[in-house]
Structures are given as C-alpha cells and as structure tokens.
C-alpha cells in the first residue's frame, strides 16, 4: 500500500493513458476501423443482387440494412458475411427479411465483435 501511495500520480497517469487508448481503439485497430469493415462487408455482397441502404458502426456493433433482388440473394449475403475470413470475431444475426410488393427483400443484419466488447 505504501508503494501505491508513493506512486499514485504515476498510476493515475497509466490509467488515464489506458482509457485514452481504449477510446482510440476503433480508429487505430485495422480490423475494427469502420471504413475497413465496410469494405469487407461490401466484398460479401452478391454482384448486382444486394445493395446496402444503411451501414452503422459504433464500438463493437454493426447495423447493416440492405435490399436484395430476392430472398435467396439476401440469404447468400448473410451467409457470405458469416463466412468472410476478413471479418473474424463477428457474431451475425439477421432479423426476419421483409418482402416488398416488387419482390425486393429488405434485410436488417447486426454484427457484434467479441474482442471489442
């Protein structure tokens, strides 16, 4: 306890530095940088079958909304995300797809990265 009391200022500085690096982690960690993640998500899109309508990245959570030409293309995209080796550590969940009158299917997919929780 005496050592901690003698070094309280240094320990406080270390804790402040740790907190600052945790806040910067999404920007400096390549695998969680939002533009990098968006790039890898777009690589999973079936060509001319699915387009993104929303991509949100906040901390360890992703929200993806998309429209697919049909239900099959929507599930192909979801499977491609789950199996994309450039998106390791993500757990993916897809809400029930919503079919529109013109056979377009709306998708909502959420991803959570375990290492960044």
C-alpha atoms as a PDB file:
ATOM      1  CA  UNK A   1       0.000   0.000   0.000  1.00  0.00           C
ATOM      2  CA  UNK A   2       2.889   2.369   0.698  1.00  0.00           C
ATOM      3  CA  UNK A   3       4.220   1.740  -2.811  1.00  0.00           C
ATOM      4  CA  UNK A   4       0.816   2.594  -4.301  1.00  0.00           C
ATOM      5  CA  UNK A   5       0.604   5.755  -2.228  1.00  0.00           C
ATOM      6  CA  UNK A   6       4.114   6.789  -3.248  1.00  0.00           C
ATOM      7  CA  UNK A   7       3.323   6.192  -6.921  1.00  0.00           C
ATOM      8  CA  UNK A   8      -0.315   7.337  -7.029  1.00  0.00           C
ATOM      9  CA  UNK A   9       0.341  10.058  -9.622  1.00  0.00           C
ATOM     10  CA  UNK A  10       2.168   7.641 -11.952  1.00  0.00           C
ATOM     11  CA  UNK A  11      -0.578   5.017 -11.553  1.00  0.00           C
ATOM     12  CA  UNK A  12      -3.229   7.624 -12.305  1.00  0.00           C
ATOM     13  CA  UNK A  13      -1.373   8.616 -15.480  1.00  0.00           C
ATOM     14  CA  UNK A  14      -1.171   4.961 -16.582  1.00  0.00           C
ATOM     15  CA  UNK A  15      -4.927   4.506 -16.022  1.00  0.00           C
ATOM     16  CA  UNK A  16      -5.697   7.694 -17.961  1.00  0.00           C
ATOM     17  CA  UNK A  17      -3.474   6.521 -20.830  1.00  0.00           C
ATOM     18  CA  UNK A  18      -5.185   3.120 -20.879  1.00  0.00           C
ATOM     19  CA  UNK A  19      -8.585   4.801 -21.064  1.00  0.00           C
ATOM     20  CA  UNK A  20      -7.430   7.065 -23.910  1.00  0.00           C
ATOM     21  CA  UNK A  21      -6.133   4.079 -25.917  1.00  0.00           C
ATOM     22  CA  UNK A  22      -9.411   2.208 -25.372  1.00  0.00           C
ATOM     23  CA  UNK A  23     -11.275   5.174 -26.826  1.00  0.00           C
ATOM     24  CA  UNK A  24      -8.909   5.315 -29.821  1.00  0.00           C
ATOM     25  CA  UNK A  25      -9.017   1.563 -30.441  1.00  0.00           C
ATOM     26  CA  UNK A  26     -11.768   1.652 -33.117  1.00  0.00           C
ATOM     27  CA  UNK A  27      -9.703   4.148 -35.115  1.00  0.00           C
ATOM     28  CA  UNK A  28      -6.263   2.583 -34.768  1.00  0.00           C
ATOM     29  CA  UNK A  29      -7.180  -1.123 -34.861  1.00  0.00           C
ATOM     30  CA  UNK A  30      -7.379  -2.048 -38.518  1.00  0.00           C
ATOM     31  CA  UNK A  31      -9.885  -4.854 -38.044  1.00  0.00           C
ATOM     32  CA  UNK A  32     -12.383  -2.527 -36.350  1.00  0.00           C
ATOM     33  CA  UNK A  33     -11.848   0.656 -38.386  1.00  0.00           C
ATOM     34  CA  UNK A  34     -15.327   1.416 -39.809  1.00  0.00           C
ATOM     35  CA  UNK A  35     -14.199   2.013 -43.411  1.00  0.00           C
ATOM     36  CA  UNK A  36     -12.172  -1.195 -43.381  1.00  0.00           C
ATOM     37  CA  UNK A  37     -15.168  -3.136 -42.040  1.00  0.00           C
ATOM     38  CA  UNK A  38     -17.467  -1.516 -44.632  1.00  0.00           C
ATOM     39  CA  UNK A  39     -15.021  -2.557 -47.374  1.00  0.00           C
ATOM     40  CA  UNK A  40     -15.089  -6.182 -46.198  1.00  0.00           C
ATOM     41  CA  UNK A  41     -18.877  -6.124 -45.844  1.00  0.00           C
ATOM     42  CA  UNK A  42     -19.145  -4.861 -49.432  1.00  0.00           C
ATOM     43  CA  UNK A  43     -16.905  -7.722 -50.583  1.00  0.00           C
ATOM     44  CA  UNK A  44     -19.606 -10.078 -49.288  1.00  0.00           C
ATOM     45  CA  UNK A  45     -22.330  -8.556 -51.465  1.00  0.00           C
ATOM     46  CA  UNK A  46     -23.567 -10.860 -54.252  1.00  0.00           C
ATOM     47  CA  UNK A  47     -22.847  -8.975 -57.501  1.00  0.00           C
ATOM     48  CA  UNK A  48     -25.866  -6.960 -58.684  1.00  0.00           C
ATOM     49  CA  UNK A  49     -28.152  -8.799 -56.235  1.00  0.00           C
ATOM     50  CA  UNK A  50     -27.930  -6.804 -52.991  1.00  0.00           C
ATOM     51  CA  UNK A  51     -27.232  -3.158 -52.222  1.00  0.00           C
ATOM     52  CA  UNK A  52     -26.641  -1.527 -48.851  1.00  0.00           C
ATOM     53  CA  UNK A  53     -29.086   1.118 -47.679  1.00  0.00           C
ATOM     54  CA  UNK A  54     -27.509   1.703 -44.239  1.00  0.00           C
ATOM     55  CA  UNK A  55     -24.210   0.892 -42.565  1.00  0.00           C
ATOM     56  CA  UNK A  56     -23.616   1.989 -38.977  1.00  0.00           C
ATOM     57  CA  UNK A  57     -20.573   1.095 -36.907  1.00  0.00           C
ATOM     58  CA  UNK A  58     -20.439   2.026 -33.253  1.00  0.00           C
ATOM     59  CA  UNK A  59     -17.923   0.409 -30.952  1.00  0.00           C
ATOM     60  CA  UNK A  60     -18.219  -3.353 -31.347  1.00  0.00           C
ATOM     61  CA  UNK A  61     -21.663  -3.193 -33.006  1.00  0.00           C
ATOM     62  CA  UNK A  62     -22.599  -3.051 -36.694  1.00  0.00           C
ATOM     63  CA  UNK A  63     -26.017  -2.371 -38.159  1.00  0.00           C
ATOM     64  CA  UNK A  64     -26.497  -3.183 -41.827  1.00  0.00           C
ATOM     65  CA  UNK A  65     -29.667  -2.599 -43.784  1.00  0.00           C
ATOM     66  CA  UNK A  66     -29.902  -3.737 -47.376  1.00  0.00           C
ATOM     67  CA  UNK A  67     -32.253  -4.546 -50.199  1.00  0.00           C
ATOM     68  CA  UNK A  68     -31.928  -7.787 -52.126  1.00  0.00           C
ATOM     69  CA  UNK A  69     -33.448  -8.633 -55.505  1.00  0.00           C
ATOM     70  CA  UNK A  70     -34.963 -11.711 -53.863  1.00  0.00           C
ATOM     71  CA  UNK A  71     -34.922 -13.721 -50.649  1.00  0.00           C
ATOM     72  CA  UNK A  72     -32.253 -16.125 -51.934  1.00  0.00           C
ATOM     73  CA  UNK A  73     -29.826 -13.258 -52.615  1.00  0.00           C
ATOM     74  CA  UNK A  74     -30.478 -11.927 -49.110  1.00  0.00           C
ATOM     75  CA  UNK A  75     -29.536 -15.230 -47.522  1.00  0.00           C
ATOM     76  CA  UNK A  76     -26.480 -15.518 -49.794  1.00  0.00           C
ATOM     77  CA  UNK A  77     -25.294 -12.148 -48.472  1.00  0.00           C
ATOM     78  CA  UNK A  78     -25.911 -13.179 -44.864  1.00  0.00           C
ATOM     79  CA  UNK A  79     -24.016 -16.454 -45.365  1.00  0.00           C
ATOM     80  CA  UNK A  80     -21.161 -14.599 -47.081  1.00  0.00           C
ATOM     81  CA  UNK A  81     -20.859 -12.234 -44.096  1.00  0.00           C
ATOM     82  CA  UNK A  82     -20.781 -15.131 -41.629  1.00  0.00           C
ATOM     83  CA  UNK A  83     -18.065 -16.884 -43.652  1.00  0.00           C
ATOM     84  CA  UNK A  84     -15.948 -13.870 -44.649  1.00  0.00           C
ATOM     85  CA  UNK A  85     -12.414 -14.583 -43.355  1.00  0.00           C
ATOM     86  CA  UNK A  86     -11.690 -10.837 -43.305  1.00  0.00           C
ATOM     87  CA  UNK A  87     -14.415 -10.309 -40.676  1.00  0.00           C
ATOM     88  CA  UNK A  88     -13.218 -12.629 -37.902  1.00  0.00           C
ATOM     89  CA  UNK A  89     -14.701 -12.390 -34.444  1.00  0.00           C
ATOM     90  CA  UNK A  90     -18.127 -11.133 -35.515  1.00  0.00           C
ATOM     91  CA  UNK A  91     -21.347 -12.801 -34.450  1.00  0.00           C
ATOM     92  CA  UNK A  92     -24.057 -12.099 -37.023  1.00  0.00           C
ATOM     93  CA  UNK A  93     -27.826 -12.022 -36.573  1.00  0.00           C
ATOM     94  CA  UNK A  94     -30.423 -11.297 -39.230  1.00  0.00           C
ATOM     95  CA  UNK A  95     -33.955 -10.145 -38.465  1.00  0.00           C
ATOM     96  CA  UNK A  96     -36.812 -11.710 -40.392  1.00  0.00           C
ATOM     97  CA  UNK A  97     -36.472 -10.433 -44.009  1.00  0.00           C
ATOM     98  CA  UNK A  98     -39.350  -8.304 -45.261  1.00  0.00           C
ATOM     99  CA  UNK A  99     -40.590  -8.873 -48.814  1.00  0.00           C
ATOM    100  CA  UNK A 100     -41.977  -5.904 -50.711  1.00  0.00           C
ATOM    101  CA  UNK A 101     -44.610  -5.991 -53.456  1.00  0.00           C
ATOM    102  CA  UNK A 102     -41.981  -5.742 -56.212  1.00  0.00           C
ATOM    103  CA  UNK A 103     -40.214  -8.939 -54.956  1.00  0.00           C
ATOM    104  CA  UNK A 104     -37.441  -6.860 -53.341  1.00  0.00           C
ATOM    105  CA  UNK A 105     -36.447  -8.145 -49.914  1.00  0.00           C
ATOM    106  CA  UNK A 106     -35.415  -5.775 -47.128  1.00  0.00           C
ATOM    107  CA  UNK A 107     -32.734  -7.051 -44.767  1.00  0.00           C
ATOM    108  CA  UNK A 108     -31.525  -5.977 -41.351  1.00  0.00           C
ATOM    109  CA  UNK A 109     -28.321  -7.598 -40.130  1.00  0.00           C
ATOM    110  CA  UNK A 110     -26.464  -6.894 -36.904  1.00  0.00           C
ATOM    111  CA  UNK A 111     -22.920  -7.866 -36.092  1.00  0.00           C
ATOM    112  CA  UNK A 112     -21.145  -7.853 -32.739  1.00  0.00           C
ATOM    113  CA  UNK A 113     -17.380  -8.189 -32.432  1.00  0.00           C
ATOM    114  CA  UNK A 114     -16.469 -10.236 -29.368  1.00  0.00           C
ATOM    115  CA  UNK A 115     -12.915  -8.885 -28.993  1.00  0.00           C
ATOM    116  CA  UNK A 116     -14.156  -5.300 -28.729  1.00  0.00           C
ATOM    117  CA  UNK A 117     -16.919  -5.728 -26.160  1.00  0.00           C
END
